[in-house]
Every structure is written in structure tokens, then in C-alpha cells.
Amino acid sequence: MDNKYCEELPLAIASVPMQSFEHLYEPETALEKGTMFHGLYMPFEGKEAR
């Protein structure tokens, strides 16, 4: 296998939206949800959750 092809590819490109400090969760709720920003809370809803 030729590894030169892999060396030319970027590792990753991140896209991170800027968050405003609005609609923040209380500290206890933020710890449960894993984020303090309401807009970033996206619970996993895969087939295991159904």
C-alpha cells in the first residue's frame, strides 16, 4: 500500500459555531447534559434509544 496518498490528506476540518452566552443551563443541569449551552444540547437518539 502506498502511504504517500495518506500524507497528502488533511487530518480533519473542524466546524465549531460561535456560542453566545444566552440561554445557559444551570450548573447542575449543564453537568447532566454535558454542555452549558442550550443550543449545543443534542442528545443521541439512535435506534438504541427507541
C-alpha atoms as a PDB file:
ATOM      1  CA  MET A   1       0.000   0.000   0.000  1.00  0.00           C
ATOM      2  CA  ASP A   2       1.315   3.448  -0.934  1.00  0.00           C
ATOM      3  CA  ASN A   3       1.275   5.736   2.129  1.00  0.00           C
ATOM      4  CA  LYS A   4       2.080   8.874   0.103  1.00  0.00           C
ATOM      5  CA  TYR A   5      -1.631   9.292  -0.645  1.00  0.00           C
ATOM      6  CA  CYS A   6      -2.468   9.477   3.073  1.00  0.00           C
ATOM      7  CA  GLU A   7       0.288  12.013   3.736  1.00  0.00           C
ATOM      8  CA  GLU A   8      -1.374  14.462   1.328  1.00  0.00           C
ATOM      9  CA  LEU A   9      -4.784  14.385   3.037  1.00  0.00           C
ATOM     10  CA  PRO A  10      -5.705  16.765   5.872  1.00  0.00           C
ATOM     11  CA  LEU A  11      -6.375  15.076   9.202  1.00  0.00           C
ATOM     12  CA  ALA A  12      -9.645  16.862   9.905  1.00  0.00           C
ATOM     13  CA  ILE A  13     -11.555  20.067   9.373  1.00  0.00           C
ATOM     14  CA  ALA A  14     -13.479  21.296  12.406  1.00  0.00           C
ATOM     15  CA  SER A  15     -16.547  23.465  12.200  1.00  0.00           C
ATOM     16  CA  VAL A  16     -17.392  24.975  15.575  1.00  0.00           C
ATOM     17  CA  PRO A  17     -20.183  27.541  15.777  1.00  0.00           C
ATOM     18  CA  MET A  18     -19.641  30.566  17.992  1.00  0.00           C
ATOM     19  CA  GLN A  19     -21.855  30.410  21.059  1.00  0.00           C
ATOM     20  CA  SER A  20     -23.399  33.432  22.676  1.00  0.00           C
ATOM     21  CA  PHE A  21     -23.827  33.397  26.423  1.00  0.00           C
ATOM     22  CA  GLU A  22     -27.613  33.254  26.221  1.00  0.00           C
ATOM     23  CA  HIS A  23     -29.997  30.526  27.333  1.00  0.00           C
ATOM     24  CA  LEU A  24     -27.450  28.887  29.625  1.00  0.00           C
ATOM     25  CA  TYR A  25     -28.318  25.862  31.730  1.00  0.00           C
ATOM     26  CA  GLU A  26     -27.942  25.984  35.481  1.00  0.00           C
ATOM     27  CA  PRO A  27     -24.670  24.293  36.626  1.00  0.00           C
ATOM     28  CA  GLU A  28     -26.377  21.091  37.834  1.00  0.00           C
ATOM     29  CA  THR A  29     -28.354  20.705  34.592  1.00  0.00           C
ATOM     30  CA  ALA A  30     -25.271  21.515  32.497  1.00  0.00           C
ATOM     31  CA  LEU A  31     -23.352  18.681  34.172  1.00  0.00           C
ATOM     32  CA  GLU A  32     -26.173  16.249  33.415  1.00  0.00           C
ATOM     33  CA  LYS A  33     -26.494  17.341  29.777  1.00  0.00           C
ATOM     34  CA  GLY A  34     -22.755  17.727  29.095  1.00  0.00           C
ATOM     35  CA  THR A  35     -22.997  21.343  27.952  1.00  0.00           C
ATOM     36  CA  MET A  36     -23.945  24.691  29.434  1.00  0.00           C
ATOM     37  CA  PHE A  37     -25.268  25.974  26.101  1.00  0.00           C
ATOM     38  CA  HIS A  38     -28.874  25.185  25.256  1.00  0.00           C
ATOM     39  CA  GLY A  39     -28.104  25.338  21.527  1.00  0.00           C
ATOM     40  CA  LEU A  40     -25.416  22.639  21.785  1.00  0.00           C
ATOM     41  CA  TYR A  41     -27.530  20.058  23.609  1.00  0.00           C
ATOM     42  CA  MET A  42     -28.161  17.287  21.088  1.00  0.00           C
ATOM     43  CA  PRO A  43     -28.991  14.015  22.838  1.00  0.00           C
ATOM     44  CA  PHE A  44     -28.207  10.800  20.989  1.00  0.00           C
ATOM     45  CA  GLU A  45     -31.386   9.387  19.513  1.00  0.00           C
ATOM     46  CA  GLY A  46     -30.157   6.288  17.713  1.00  0.00           C
ATOM     47  CA  LYS A  47     -32.061   3.065  17.437  1.00  0.00           C
ATOM     48  CA  GLU A  48     -30.843   2.078  20.922  1.00  0.00           C
ATOM     49  CA  ALA A  49     -32.834   4.999  22.385  1.00  0.00           C
ATOM     50  CA  ARG A  50     -36.123   3.978  20.756  1.00  0.00           C
END
